[in-house]
Amino acid sequence: MRYERIRALREDRDLTQEQVGRAINVTQRTYAYYEVGQRMVPPHVLIALAVFHHVSIDYLLNLTDEKTPPGRKGI
């Protein structure tokens, strides 16, 4: 599974893989593997990415086009 949206979100904010990796506590190489689908993103990293980018996990997984669904609790 490719995680195209995590790459798009990163690029939209002009961030490097290193910067996002540091923010979610993984190495740049691990983060790069997530972007291209060489590794599945574990649940705790999906949560960290969703919080970092202010989007829902469903959006990251391409299950919805709504970035932040109504009623999301602030974290």
PDB file of N, CA and C in Angstrom:
ATOM      1  N   MET A   1       0.846  -1.193   0.000  1.00  0.00           N
ATOM      2  CA  MET A   1       0.000   0.000   0.000  1.00  0.00           C
ATOM      3  C   MET A   1       0.881   1.242   0.000  1.00  0.00           C
ATOM      4  N   ARG A   2       0.626   2.118  -0.942  1.00  0.00           N
ATOM      5  CA  ARG A   2       1.344   3.397  -0.968  1.00  0.00           C
ATOM      6  C   ARG A   2       0.546   4.422  -0.173  1.00  0.00           C
ATOM      7  N   TYR A   3       1.258   5.240   0.535  1.00  0.00           N
ATOM      8  CA  TYR A   3       0.640   6.283   1.342  1.00  0.00           C
ATOM      9  C   TYR A   3       0.869   7.621   0.642  1.00  0.00           C
ATOM     10  N   GLU A   4       0.168   7.811  -0.475  1.00  0.00           N
ATOM     11  CA  GLU A   4       0.385   8.997  -1.303  1.00  0.00           C
ATOM     12  C   GLU A   4       0.058  10.294  -0.572  1.00  0.00           C
ATOM     13  N   ARG A   5      -0.922  10.233   0.308  1.00  0.00           N
ATOM     14  CA  ARG A   5      -1.327  11.479   0.970  1.00  0.00           C
ATOM     15  C   ARG A   5      -0.304  11.976   1.966  1.00  0.00           C
ATOM     16  N   ILE A   6       0.439  11.075   2.602  1.00  0.00           N
ATOM     17  CA  ILE A   6       1.437  11.603   3.538  1.00  0.00           C
ATOM     18  C   ILE A   6       2.539  12.336   2.788  1.00  0.00           C
ATOM     19  N   ARG A   7       2.854  11.869   1.591  1.00  0.00           N
ATOM     20  CA  ARG A   7       3.832  12.591   0.775  1.00  0.00           C
ATOM     21  C   ARG A   7       3.263  13.938   0.327  1.00  0.00           C
ATOM     22  N   ALA A   8       2.027  13.936  -0.150  1.00  0.00           N
ATOM     23  CA  ALA A   8       1.403  15.173  -0.625  1.00  0.00           C
ATOM     24  C   ALA A   8       1.302  16.198   0.498  1.00  0.00           C
ATOM     25  N   LEU A   9       0.904  15.760   1.683  1.00  0.00           N
ATOM     26  CA  LEU A   9       0.804  16.682   2.814  1.00  0.00           C
ATOM     27  C   LEU A   9       2.171  17.261   3.166  1.00  0.00           C
ATOM     28  N   ARG A  10       3.185  16.422   3.148  1.00  0.00           N
ATOM     29  CA  ARG A  10       4.544  16.888   3.446  1.00  0.00           C
ATOM     30  C   ARG A  10       4.996  17.916   2.413  1.00  0.00           C
ATOM     31  N   GLU A  11       4.784  17.597   1.141  1.00  0.00           N
ATOM     32  CA  GLU A  11       5.225  18.505   0.079  1.00  0.00           C
ATOM     33  C   GLU A  11       4.429  19.806   0.078  1.00  0.00           C
ATOM     34  N   ASP A  12       3.139  19.743   0.401  1.00  0.00           N
ATOM     35  CA  ASP A  12       2.320  20.959   0.474  1.00  0.00           C
ATOM     36  C   ASP A  12       2.865  21.943   1.496  1.00  0.00           C
ATOM     37  N   ARG A  13       3.506  21.423   2.533  1.00  0.00           N
ATOM     38  CA  ARG A  13       4.054  22.279   3.587  1.00  0.00           C
ATOM     39  C   ARG A  13       5.552  22.530   3.394  1.00  0.00           C
ATOM     40  N   ASP A  14       6.084  22.103   2.242  1.00  0.00           N
ATOM     41  CA  ASP A  14       7.506  22.281   1.938  1.00  0.00           C
ATOM     42  C   ASP A  14       8.410  21.726   3.034  1.00  0.00           C
ATOM     43  N   LEU A  15       8.077  20.533   3.509  1.00  0.00           N
ATOM     44  CA  LEU A  15       8.866  19.872   4.540  1.00  0.00           C
ATOM     45  C   LEU A  15       9.683  18.740   3.924  1.00  0.00           C
ATOM     46  N   THR A  16      10.795  18.443   4.537  1.00  0.00           N
ATOM     47  CA  THR A  16      11.599  17.310   4.104  1.00  0.00           C
ATOM     48  C   THR A  16      11.148  16.053   4.849  1.00  0.00           C
ATOM     49  N   GLN A  17      11.541  14.907   4.326  1.00  0.00           N
ATOM     50  CA  GLN A  17      11.261  13.659   5.031  1.00  0.00           C
ATOM     51  C   GLN A  17      11.924  13.666   6.405  1.00  0.00           C
ATOM     52  N   GLU A  18      13.092  14.229   6.481  1.00  0.00           N
ATOM     53  CA  GLU A  18      13.816  14.336   7.755  1.00  0.00           C
ATOM     54  C   GLU A  18      13.006  15.129   8.776  1.00  0.00           C
ATOM     55  N   GLN A  19      12.431  16.253   8.362  1.00  0.00           N
ATOM     56  CA  GLN A  19      11.665  17.092   9.281  1.00  0.00           C
ATOM     57  C   GLN A  19      10.416  16.361   9.796  1.00  0.00           C
ATOM     58  N   VAL A  20       9.704  15.706   8.906  1.00  0.00           N
ATOM     59  CA  VAL A  20       8.504  14.985   9.335  1.00  0.00           C
ATOM     60  C   VAL A  20       8.898  13.801  10.212  1.00  0.00           C
ATOM     61  N   GLY A  21       9.917  13.079   9.809  1.00  0.00           N
ATOM     62  CA  GLY A  21      10.383  11.956  10.616  1.00  0.00           C
ATOM     63  C   GLY A  21      10.739  12.378  12.028  1.00  0.00           C
ATOM     64  N   ARG A  22      11.455  13.470  12.131  1.00  0.00           N
ATOM     65  CA  ARG A  22      11.813  13.983  13.452  1.00  0.00           C
ATOM     66  C   ARG A  22      10.573  14.340  14.269  1.00  0.00           C
ATOM     67  N   ALA A  23       9.591  14.953  13.617  1.00  0.00           N
ATOM     68  CA  ALA A  23       8.369  15.373  14.308  1.00  0.00           C
ATOM     69  C   ALA A  23       7.550  14.190  14.825  1.00  0.00           C
ATOM     70  N   ILE A  24       7.619  13.061  14.116  1.00  0.00           N
ATOM     71  CA  ILE A  24       6.829  11.892  14.536  1.00  0.00           C
ATOM     72  C   ILE A  24       7.702  10.804  15.155  1.00  0.00           C
ATOM     73  N   ASN A  25       8.968  11.116  15.360  1.00  0.00           N
ATOM     74  CA  ASN A  25       9.902  10.244  16.076  1.00  0.00           C
ATOM     75  C   ASN A  25      10.259   8.961  15.323  1.00  0.00           C
ATOM     76  N   VAL A  26      10.516   9.098  14.020  1.00  0.00           N
ATOM     77  CA  VAL A  26      11.061   7.995  13.225  1.00  0.00           C
ATOM     78  C   VAL A  26      12.210   8.552  12.389  1.00  0.00           C
ATOM     79  N   THR A  27      13.060   7.659  11.909  1.00  0.00           N
ATOM     80  CA  THR A  27      14.181   8.116  11.075  1.00  0.00           C
ATOM     81  C   THR A  27      13.675   8.532   9.694  1.00  0.00           C
ATOM     82  N   GLN A  28      14.495   9.299   8.993  1.00  0.00           N
ATOM     83  CA  GLN A  28      14.148   9.720   7.634  1.00  0.00           C
ATOM     84  C   GLN A  28      13.950   8.500   6.744  1.00  0.00           C
ATOM     85  N   ARG A  29      14.801   7.511   6.878  1.00  0.00           N
ATOM     86  CA  ARG A  29      14.718   6.313   6.046  1.00  0.00           C
ATOM     87  C   ARG A  29      13.399   5.571   6.294  1.00  0.00           C
ATOM     88  N   THR A  30      13.027   5.429   7.563  1.00  0.00           N
ATOM     89  CA  THR A  30      11.759   4.764   7.886  1.00  0.00           C
ATOM     90  C   THR A  30      10.592   5.537   7.303  1.00  0.00           C
ATOM     91  N   TYR A  31      10.626   6.857   7.458  1.00  0.00           N
ATOM     92  CA  TYR A  31       9.552   7.676   6.905  1.00  0.00           C
ATOM     93  C   TYR A  31       9.495   7.520   5.376  1.00  0.00           C
ATOM     94  N   ALA A  32      10.636   7.493   4.722  1.00  0.00           N
ATOM     95  CA  ALA A  32      10.677   7.314   3.265  1.00  0.00           C
ATOM     96  C   ALA A  32      10.048   5.980   2.874  1.00  0.00           C
ATOM     97  N   TYR A  33      10.321   4.930   3.634  1.00  0.00           N
ATOM     98  CA  TYR A  33       9.705   3.624   3.372  1.00  0.00           C
ATOM     99  C   TYR A  33       8.178   3.708   3.477  1.00  0.00           C
ATOM    100  N   TYR A  34       7.684   4.468   4.429  1.00  0.00           N
ATOM    101  CA  TYR A  34       6.228   4.644   4.560  1.00  0.00           C
ATOM    102  C   TYR A  34       5.655   5.317   3.320  1.00  0.00           C
ATOM    103  N   GLU A  35       6.287   6.384   2.876  1.00  0.00           N
ATOM    104  CA  GLU A  35       5.766   7.127   1.721  1.00  0.00           C
ATOM    105  C   GLU A  35       5.630   6.261   0.471  1.00  0.00           C
ATOM    106  N   VAL A  36       6.589   5.390   0.234  1.00  0.00           N
ATOM    107  CA  VAL A  36       6.552   4.581  -0.988  1.00  0.00           C
ATOM    108  C   VAL A  36       5.899   3.225  -0.783  1.00  0.00           C
ATOM    109  N   GLY A  37       5.451   2.952   0.442  1.00  0.00           N
ATOM    110  CA  GLY A  37       4.737   1.714   0.707  1.00  0.00           C
ATOM    111  C   GLY A  37       5.614   0.503   0.930  1.00  0.00           C
ATOM    112  N   GLN A  38       6.897   0.694   1.214  1.00  0.00           N
ATOM    113  CA  GLN A  38       7.769  -0.438   1.497  1.00  0.00           C
ATOM    114  C   GLN A  38       7.579  -0.957   2.909  1.00  0.00           C
ATOM    115  N   ARG A  39       6.964  -0.162   3.753  1.00  0.00           N
ATOM    116  CA  ARG A  39       6.608  -0.573   5.116  1.00  0.00           C
ATOM    117  C   ARG A  39       5.211  -0.072   5.415  1.00  0.00           C
ATOM    118  N   MET A  40       4.464  -0.892   6.121  1.00  0.00           N
ATOM    119  CA  MET A  40       3.148  -0.448   6.571  1.00  0.00           C
ATOM    120  C   MET A  40       3.344   0.529   7.728  1.00  0.00           C
ATOM    121  N   VAL A  41       2.504   1.543   7.773  1.00  0.00           N
ATOM    122  CA  VAL A  41       2.589   2.530   8.843  1.00  0.00           C
ATOM    123  C   VAL A  41       1.848   1.966  10.054  1.00  0.00           C
ATOM    124  N   PRO A  42       2.543   1.799  11.192  1.00  0.00           N
ATOM    125  CA  PRO A  42       1.878   1.276  12.376  1.00  0.00           C
ATOM    126  C   PRO A  42       0.878   2.289  12.944  1.00  0.00           C
ATOM    127  N   PRO A  43      -0.103   1.795  13.700  1.00  0.00           N
ATOM    128  CA  PRO A  43      -1.154   2.684  14.228  1.00  0.00           C
ATOM    129  C   PRO A  43      -0.629   3.899  14.979  1.00  0.00           C
ATOM    130  N   HIS A  44       0.387   3.735  15.817  1.00  0.00           N
ATOM    131  CA  HIS A  44       0.864   4.885  16.595  1.00  0.00           C
ATOM    132  C   HIS A  44       1.503   5.951  15.686  1.00  0.00           C
ATOM    133  N   VAL A  45       2.061   5.535  14.562  1.00  0.00           N
ATOM    134  CA  VAL A  45       2.639   6.497  13.620  1.00  0.00           C
ATOM    135  C   VAL A  45       1.525   7.167  12.818  1.00  0.00           C
ATOM    136  N   LEU A  46       0.482   6.421  12.461  1.00  0.00           N
ATOM    137  CA  LEU A  46      -0.673   7.039  11.790  1.00  0.00           C
ATOM    138  C   LEU A  46      -1.275   8.132  12.661  1.00  0.00           C
ATOM    139  N   ILE A  47      -1.385   7.849  13.938  1.00  0.00           N
ATOM    140  CA  ILE A  47      -1.924   8.859  14.869  1.00  0.00           C
ATOM    141  C   ILE A  47      -1.013  10.079  14.897  1.00  0.00           C
ATOM    142  N   ALA A  48       0.288   9.843  15.004  1.00  0.00           N
ATOM    143  CA  ALA A  48       1.242  10.963  15.037  1.00  0.00           C
ATOM    144  C   ALA A  48       1.168  11.789  13.761  1.00  0.00           C
ATOM    145  N   LEU A  49       1.066  11.125  12.617  1.00  0.00           N
ATOM    146  CA  LEU A  49       0.962  11.849  11.346  1.00  0.00           C
ATOM    147  C   LEU A  49      -0.337  12.641  11.265  1.00  0.00           C
ATOM    148  N   ALA A  50      -1.438  12.048  11.704  1.00  0.00           N
ATOM    149  CA  ALA A  50      -2.729  12.741  11.670  1.00  0.00           C
ATOM    150  C   ALA A  50      -2.697  13.988  12.555  1.00  0.00           C
ATOM    151  N   VAL A  51      -2.118  13.860  13.730  1.00  0.00           N
ATOM    152  CA  VAL A  51      -2.012  15.008  14.634  1.00  0.00           C
ATOM    153  C   VAL A  51      -1.086  16.065  14.028  1.00  0.00           C
ATOM    154  N   PHE A  52       0.053  15.640  13.513  1.00  0.00           N
ATOM    155  CA  PHE A  52       1.030  16.567  12.942  1.00  0.00           C
ATOM    156  C   PHE A  52       0.441  17.363  11.781  1.00  0.00           C
ATOM    157  N   HIS A  53      -0.310  16.685  10.916  1.00  0.00           N
ATOM    158  CA  HIS A  53      -0.865  17.344   9.735  1.00  0.00           C
ATOM    159  C   HIS A  53      -2.285  17.884   9.945  1.00  0.00           C
ATOM    160  N   HIS A  54      -2.844  17.662  11.123  1.00  0.00           N
ATOM    161  CA  HIS A  54      -4.205  18.135  11.441  1.00  0.00           C
ATOM    162  C   HIS A  54      -5.237  17.557  10.473  1.00  0.00           C
ATOM    163  N   VAL A  55      -5.142  16.249  10.242  1.00  0.00           N
ATOM    164  CA  VAL A  55      -6.084  15.544   9.379  1.00  0.00           C
ATOM    165  C   VAL A  55      -6.539  14.271  10.082  1.00  0.00           C
ATOM    166  N   SER A  56      -7.532  13.614   9.496  1.00  0.00           N
ATOM    167  CA  SER A  56      -7.998  12.350  10.067  1.00  0.00           C
ATOM    168  C   SER A  56      -7.166  11.184   9.525  1.00  0.00           C
ATOM    169  N   ILE A  57      -7.166  10.103  10.265  1.00  0.00           N
ATOM    170  CA  ILE A  57      -6.494   8.889   9.793  1.00  0.00           C
ATOM    171  C   ILE A  57      -7.206   8.372   8.547  1.00  0.00           C
ATOM    172  N   ASP A  58      -8.520   8.482   8.496  1.00  0.00           N
ATOM    173  CA  ASP A  58      -9.259   8.074   7.299  1.00  0.00           C
ATOM    174  C   ASP A  58      -8.760   8.835   6.072  1.00  0.00           C
ATOM    175  N   TYR A  59      -8.449  10.109   6.233  1.00  0.00           N
ATOM    176  CA  TYR A  59      -7.915  10.894   5.122  1.00  0.00           C
ATOM    177  C   TYR A  59      -6.540  10.360   4.707  1.00  0.00           C
ATOM    178  N   LEU A  60      -5.681  10.079   5.684  1.00  0.00           N
ATOM    179  CA  LEU A  60      -4.354   9.551   5.373  1.00  0.00           C
ATOM    180  C   LEU A  60      -4.431   8.236   4.609  1.00  0.00           C
ATOM    181  N   LEU A  61      -5.426   7.416   4.952  1.00  0.00           N
ATOM    182  CA  LEU A  61      -5.575   6.102   4.331  1.00  0.00           C
ATOM    183  C   LEU A  61      -6.425   6.136   3.068  1.00  0.00           C
ATOM    184  N   ASN A  62      -6.781   7.340   2.638  1.00  0.00           N
ATOM    185  CA  ASN A  62      -7.556   7.534   1.407  1.00  0.00           C
ATOM    186  C   ASN A  62      -8.957   6.919   1.488  1.00  0.00           C
ATOM    187  N   LEU A  63      -9.527   6.912   2.693  1.00  0.00           N
ATOM    188  CA  LEU A  63     -10.886   6.407   2.888  1.00  0.00           C
ATOM    189  C   LEU A  63     -11.920   7.512   2.767  1.00  0.00           C
ATOM    190  N   THR A  64     -11.461   8.744   2.813  1.00  0.00           N
ATOM    191  CA  THR A  64     -12.335   9.900   2.670  1.00  0.00           C
ATOM    192  C   THR A  64     -11.534  11.039   2.057  1.00  0.00           C
ATOM    193  N   ASP A  65     -12.249  11.980   1.472  1.00  0.00           N
ATOM    194  CA  ASP A  65     -11.599  13.179   0.950  1.00  0.00           C
ATOM    195  C   ASP A  65     -11.703  14.342   1.934  1.00  0.00           C
ATOM    196  N   GLU A  66     -12.423  14.123   3.035  1.00  0.00           N
ATOM    197  CA  GLU A  66     -12.543  15.144   4.075  1.00  0.00           C
ATOM    198  C   GLU A  66     -11.312  15.075   4.971  1.00  0.00           C
ATOM    199  N   LYS A  67     -10.553  16.152   5.001  1.00  0.00           N
ATOM    200  CA  LYS A  67      -9.322  16.131   5.801  1.00  0.00           C
ATOM    201  C   LYS A  67      -9.621  15.977   7.289  1.00  0.00           C
ATOM    202  N   THR A  68     -10.544  16.782   7.793  1.00  0.00           N
ATOM    203  CA  THR A  68     -10.902  16.711   9.199  1.00  0.00           C
ATOM    204  C   THR A  68     -12.402  16.576   9.322  1.00  0.00           C
ATOM    205  N   PRO A  69     -12.863  15.386   9.687  1.00  0.00           N
ATOM    206  CA  PRO A  69     -14.314  15.190   9.787  1.00  0.00           C
ATOM    207  C   PRO A  69     -14.909  15.998  10.924  1.00  0.00           C
ATOM    208  N   PRO A  70     -16.208  16.316  10.829  1.00  0.00           N
ATOM    209  CA  PRO A  70     -16.859  17.065  11.912  1.00  0.00           C
ATOM    210  C   PRO A  70     -16.801  16.286  13.219  1.00  0.00           C
ATOM    211  N   GLY A  71     -16.636  17.003  14.292  1.00  0.00           N
ATOM    212  CA  GLY A  71     -16.667  16.377  15.594  1.00  0.00           C
ATOM    213  C   GLY A  71     -15.343  15.823  16.081  1.00  0.00           C
ATOM    214  N   ARG A  72     -14.276  16.050  15.359  1.00  0.00           N
ATOM    215  CA  ARG A  72     -12.982  15.547  15.828  1.00  0.00           C
ATOM    216  C   ARG A  72     -12.562  16.298  17.073  1.00  0.00           C
ATOM    217  N   LYS A  73     -12.101  15.556  18.057  1.00  0.00           N
ATOM    218  CA  LYS A  73     -11.610  16.169  19.283  1.00  0.00           C
ATOM    219  C   LYS A  73     -10.230  16.746  19.034  1.00  0.00           C
ATOM    220  N   GLY A  74      -9.966  17.894  19.580  1.00  0.00           N
ATOM    221  CA  GLY A  74      -8.639  18.489  19.445  1.00  0.00           C
ATOM    222  C   GLY A  74      -7.629  17.724  20.268  1.00  0.00           C
ATOM    223  N   ILE A  75      -6.443  17.556  19.714  1.00  0.00           N
ATOM    224  CA  ILE A  75      -5.390  16.835  20.438  1.00  0.00           C
ATOM    225  C   ILE A  75      -4.218  17.760  20.633  1.00  0.00           C
TER     226      ILE A  75
END
